[in-house]
Amino acid sequence: MDPVIDQAVQVRLIATTSGPHAVPAVLHYQPADPLAVRMSFPPELSLDGSAVDWAFARELLDEGLRVPAGRGDVRVRPSGPDRTVMEFHADEGVAMVQLRTADVRQFLTRSYAAVPAGAEPAYLGLERGLAELFGAA
């Protein structure tokens, strides 16, 4: 069984009122879904009181540590030498959080140890699934 990589991170919610607020969040990586990273936020941050989970490309997170990355719902960019900003765009609005870049790097290092960059297709299970479908397994 492939290990699931979870890393608790402290994020600062960047709000338009009274400064940023520190909140817990968790970065998730699962080799069974090798291209994706998930970031989970506690229910108290959402408008409807439910937990919030965003999925995005691991490559986007990696690239965003160096240069602004992303054009869709999730965007990542460096913010000085020690911080990374993530923007989450939804119909309800935009949420921005700031993380310690060292925490993100540590998480990515662990994920690349589990599934090296470029080796993701071997973890997707497409070949195994096709073999089972056509009776070659």
C-alpha atoms as a PDB file:
ATOM      1  CA  MET A   1       0.000   0.000   0.000  1.00  0.00           C
ATOM      2  CA  ASP A   2       1.301   3.441  -0.933  1.00  0.00           C
ATOM      3  CA  PRO A   3       1.896   5.837   1.947  1.00  0.00           C
ATOM      4  CA  VAL A   4      -0.244   8.915   2.203  1.00  0.00           C
ATOM      5  CA  ILE A   5       1.779  12.028   2.964  1.00  0.00           C
ATOM      6  CA  ASP A   6       0.068  14.553   5.198  1.00  0.00           C
ATOM      7  CA  GLN A   7       1.754  17.634   6.550  1.00  0.00           C
ATOM      8  CA  ALA A   8       0.117  20.032   8.933  1.00  0.00           C
ATOM      9  CA  VAL A   9       0.958  23.618   8.071  1.00  0.00           C
ATOM     10  CA  GLN A  10       0.144  26.908   9.706  1.00  0.00           C
ATOM     11  CA  VAL A  11      -1.312  29.356   7.209  1.00  0.00           C
ATOM     12  CA  ARG A  12      -2.163  32.976   7.618  1.00  0.00           C
ATOM     13  CA  LEU A  13      -5.513  33.867   6.126  1.00  0.00           C
ATOM     14  CA  ILE A  14      -5.080  37.196   4.412  1.00  0.00           C
ATOM     15  CA  ALA A  15      -8.259  39.163   4.975  1.00  0.00           C
ATOM     16  CA  THR A  16      -9.374  42.693   4.217  1.00  0.00           C
ATOM     17  CA  THR A  17     -10.199  43.306   7.872  1.00  0.00           C
ATOM     18  CA  SER A  18      -7.975  43.522  10.952  1.00  0.00           C
ATOM     19  CA  GLY A  19      -4.916  41.760   9.555  1.00  0.00           C
ATOM     20  CA  PRO A  20      -4.121  38.121   8.811  1.00  0.00           C
ATOM     21  CA  HIS A  21      -5.392  35.278  11.019  1.00  0.00           C
ATOM     22  CA  ALA A  22      -3.352  32.125  11.727  1.00  0.00           C
ATOM     23  CA  VAL A  23      -5.271  28.928  11.003  1.00  0.00           C
ATOM     24  CA  PRO A  24      -4.324  25.255  10.715  1.00  0.00           C
ATOM     25  CA  ALA A  25      -4.362  23.516   7.346  1.00  0.00           C
ATOM     26  CA  VAL A  26      -3.095  20.199   5.995  1.00  0.00           C
ATOM     27  CA  LEU A  27      -1.298  19.437   2.749  1.00  0.00           C
ATOM     28  CA  HIS A  28      -2.074  15.916   1.438  1.00  0.00           C
ATOM     29  CA  TYR A  29      -0.299  13.796  -1.156  1.00  0.00           C
ATOM     30  CA  GLN A  30      -1.214  10.260  -2.132  1.00  0.00           C
ATOM     31  CA  PRO A  31       0.913   8.242  -4.594  1.00  0.00           C
ATOM     32  CA  ALA A  32      -2.276   6.633  -5.939  1.00  0.00           C
ATOM     33  CA  ASP A  33      -3.164  10.103  -7.270  1.00  0.00           C
ATOM     34  CA  PRO A  34       0.409  11.148  -8.137  1.00  0.00           C
ATOM     35  CA  LEU A  35      -0.280  14.364 -10.031  1.00  0.00           C
ATOM     36  CA  ALA A  36      -2.435  16.001  -7.364  1.00  0.00           C
ATOM     37  CA  VAL A  37      -1.950  17.723  -4.041  1.00  0.00           C
ATOM     38  CA  ARG A  38      -4.794  18.580  -1.718  1.00  0.00           C
ATOM     39  CA  MET A  39      -5.003  21.290   0.872  1.00  0.00           C
ATOM     40  CA  SER A  40      -7.626  20.979   3.587  1.00  0.00           C
ATOM     41  CA  PHE A  41      -8.933  23.783   5.749  1.00  0.00           C
ATOM     42  CA  PRO A  42     -11.032  23.474   8.923  1.00  0.00           C
ATOM     43  CA  PRO A  43     -14.805  24.050   8.814  1.00  0.00           C
ATOM     44  CA  GLU A  44     -14.631  27.352  10.689  1.00  0.00           C
ATOM     45  CA  LEU A  45     -13.061  28.968   7.625  1.00  0.00           C
ATOM     46  CA  SER A  46     -15.919  28.203   5.264  1.00  0.00           C
ATOM     47  CA  LEU A  47     -19.068  30.206   4.780  1.00  0.00           C
ATOM     48  CA  ASP A  48     -21.294  27.156   5.326  1.00  0.00           C
ATOM     49  CA  GLY A  49     -19.375  25.584   8.219  1.00  0.00           C
ATOM     50  CA  SER A  50     -18.074  22.552   6.312  1.00  0.00           C
ATOM     51  CA  ALA A  51     -14.479  21.489   5.783  1.00  0.00           C
ATOM     52  CA  VAL A  52     -12.866  22.858   2.629  1.00  0.00           C
ATOM     53  CA  ASP A  53     -10.614  20.718   0.439  1.00  0.00           C
ATOM     54  CA  TRP A  54      -8.847  22.070  -2.657  1.00  0.00           C
ATOM     55  CA  ALA A  55      -7.101  19.822  -5.210  1.00  0.00           C
ATOM     56  CA  PHE A  56      -4.456  21.113  -7.600  1.00  0.00           C
ATOM     57  CA  ALA A  57      -1.379  19.967  -9.483  1.00  0.00           C
ATOM     58  CA  ARG A  58       1.739  19.138  -7.498  1.00  0.00           C
ATOM     59  CA  GLU A  59       3.722  20.776 -10.298  1.00  0.00           C
ATOM     60  CA  LEU A  60       1.780  24.026  -9.738  1.00  0.00           C
ATOM     61  CA  LEU A  61       2.779  24.084  -6.076  1.00  0.00           C
ATOM     62  CA  ASP A  62       6.411  23.391  -6.971  1.00  0.00           C
ATOM     63  CA  GLU A  63       6.555  26.052  -9.690  1.00  0.00           C
ATOM     64  CA  GLY A  64       4.812  28.623  -7.481  1.00  0.00           C
ATOM     65  CA  LEU A  65       7.693  28.542  -5.009  1.00  0.00           C
ATOM     66  CA  ARG A  66       9.898  30.189  -7.649  1.00  0.00           C
ATOM     67  CA  VAL A  67       7.587  32.221  -9.907  1.00  0.00           C
ATOM     68  CA  PRO A  68       3.880  33.108 -10.021  1.00  0.00           C
ATOM     69  CA  ALA A  69       2.029  30.036 -11.286  1.00  0.00           C
ATOM     70  CA  GLY A  70      -1.541  29.136 -12.155  1.00  0.00           C
ATOM     71  CA  ARG A  71      -4.334  30.761 -14.098  1.00  0.00           C
ATOM     72  CA  GLY A  72      -7.321  28.855 -12.807  1.00  0.00           C
ATOM     73  CA  ASP A  73      -8.924  28.315  -9.425  1.00  0.00           C
ATOM     74  CA  VAL A  74      -5.602  27.888  -7.599  1.00  0.00           C
ATOM     75  CA  ARG A  75      -2.656  30.251  -7.961  1.00  0.00           C
ATOM     76  CA  VAL A  76       0.679  30.150  -6.150  1.00  0.00           C
ATOM     77  CA  ARG A  77       3.444  32.735  -5.941  1.00  0.00           C
ATOM     78  CA  PRO A  78       6.489  33.551  -3.860  1.00  0.00           C
ATOM     79  CA  SER A  79       6.151  36.348  -1.323  1.00  0.00           C
ATOM     80  CA  GLY A  80       9.666  37.250  -0.311  1.00  0.00           C
ATOM     81  CA  PRO A  81      12.337  34.700   0.524  1.00  0.00           C
ATOM     82  CA  ASP A  82      10.432  32.925   3.320  1.00  0.00           C
ATOM     83  CA  ARG A  83       6.745  32.995   2.366  1.00  0.00           C
ATOM     84  CA  THR A  84       4.497  31.605  -0.344  1.00  0.00           C
ATOM     85  CA  VAL A  85       1.026  32.946  -1.144  1.00  0.00           C
ATOM     86  CA  MET A  86      -1.779  30.735  -2.409  1.00  0.00           C
ATOM     87  CA  GLU A  87      -4.989  32.097  -3.884  1.00  0.00           C
ATOM     88  CA  PHE A  88      -8.148  30.004  -4.085  1.00  0.00           C
ATOM     89  CA  HIS A  89     -10.753  31.352  -6.524  1.00  0.00           C
ATOM     90  CA  ALA A  90     -14.410  30.295  -6.253  1.00  0.00           C
ATOM     91  CA  ASP A  91     -17.768  31.719  -7.257  1.00  0.00           C
ATOM     92  CA  GLU A  92     -18.142  33.047  -3.714  1.00  0.00           C
ATOM     93  CA  GLY A  93     -14.903  35.006  -3.885  1.00  0.00           C
ATOM     94  CA  VAL A  94     -11.155  34.661  -3.420  1.00  0.00           C
ATOM     95  CA  ALA A  95      -9.321  33.376  -0.360  1.00  0.00           C
ATOM     96  CA  MET A  96      -5.629  34.092   0.046  1.00  0.00           C
ATOM     97  CA  VAL A  97      -3.327  32.327   2.471  1.00  0.00           C
ATOM     98  CA  GLN A  98       0.340  32.726   3.236  1.00  0.00           C
ATOM     99  CA  LEU A  99       2.563  29.753   4.173  1.00  0.00           C
ATOM    100  CA  ARG A 100       6.137  29.314   5.221  1.00  0.00           C
ATOM    101  CA  THR A 101       8.042  28.348   2.080  1.00  0.00           C
ATOM    102  CA  ALA A 102      10.188  25.931   4.120  1.00  0.00           C
ATOM    103  CA  ASP A 103       7.041  23.964   5.073  1.00  0.00           C
ATOM    104  CA  VAL A 104       5.962  23.705   1.438  1.00  0.00           C
ATOM    105  CA  ARG A 105       9.451  22.630   0.352  1.00  0.00           C
ATOM    106  CA  GLN A 106       9.542  19.962   3.057  1.00  0.00           C
ATOM    107  CA  PHE A 107       6.165  18.630   1.931  1.00  0.00           C
ATOM    108  CA  LEU A 108       7.235  18.569  -1.730  1.00  0.00           C
ATOM    109  CA  THR A 109      10.504  16.822  -0.852  1.00  0.00           C
ATOM    110  CA  ARG A 110       8.527  14.092   0.882  1.00  0.00           C
ATOM    111  CA  SER A 111       6.133  13.765  -2.054  1.00  0.00           C
ATOM    112  CA  TYR A 112       9.000  13.530  -4.582  1.00  0.00           C
ATOM    113  CA  ALA A 113      10.654  10.857  -2.431  1.00  0.00           C
ATOM    114  CA  ALA A 114       7.421   8.835  -2.704  1.00  0.00           C
ATOM    115  CA  VAL A 115       6.881   9.529  -6.432  1.00  0.00           C
ATOM    116  CA  PRO A 116       9.769  11.170  -8.315  1.00  0.00           C
ATOM    117  CA  ALA A 117       8.980  13.928 -10.823  1.00  0.00           C
ATOM    118  CA  GLY A 118       8.351  12.342 -14.207  1.00  0.00           C
ATOM    119  CA  ALA A 119       7.504   8.927 -12.712  1.00  0.00           C
ATOM    120  CA  GLU A 120       3.837   9.771 -12.081  1.00  0.00           C
ATOM    121  CA  PRO A 121       2.479   7.706 -15.014  1.00  0.00           C
ATOM    122  CA  ALA A 122       3.827   4.509 -13.435  1.00  0.00           C
ATOM    123  CA  TYR A 123       1.711   5.245 -10.348  1.00  0.00           C
ATOM    124  CA  LEU A 124      -1.495   6.016 -12.204  1.00  0.00           C
ATOM    125  CA  GLY A 125      -2.239   2.332 -12.689  1.00  0.00           C
ATOM    126  CA  LEU A 126      -3.407   2.809 -16.272  1.00  0.00           C
ATOM    127  CA  GLU A 127      -1.377  -0.091 -17.593  1.00  0.00           C
ATOM    128  CA  ARG A 128      -2.598  -2.405 -14.828  1.00  0.00           C
ATOM    129  CA  GLY A 129      -6.189  -1.285 -15.350  1.00  0.00           C
ATOM    130  CA  LEU A 130      -5.987  -1.851 -19.096  1.00  0.00           C
ATOM    131  CA  ALA A 131      -4.386  -5.264 -18.592  1.00  0.00           C
ATOM    132  CA  GLU A 132      -7.182  -6.273 -16.230  1.00  0.00           C
ATOM    133  CA  LEU A 133      -9.790  -4.947 -18.627  1.00  0.00           C
ATOM    134  CA  PHE A 134      -8.399  -6.978 -21.523  1.00  0.00           C
ATOM    135  CA  GLY A 135      -7.693 -10.097 -19.461  1.00  0.00           C
ATOM    136  CA  ALA A 136      -3.893  -9.930 -19.655  1.00  0.00           C
ATOM    137  CA  ALA A 137      -3.341  -9.581 -15.922  1.00  0.00           C
END
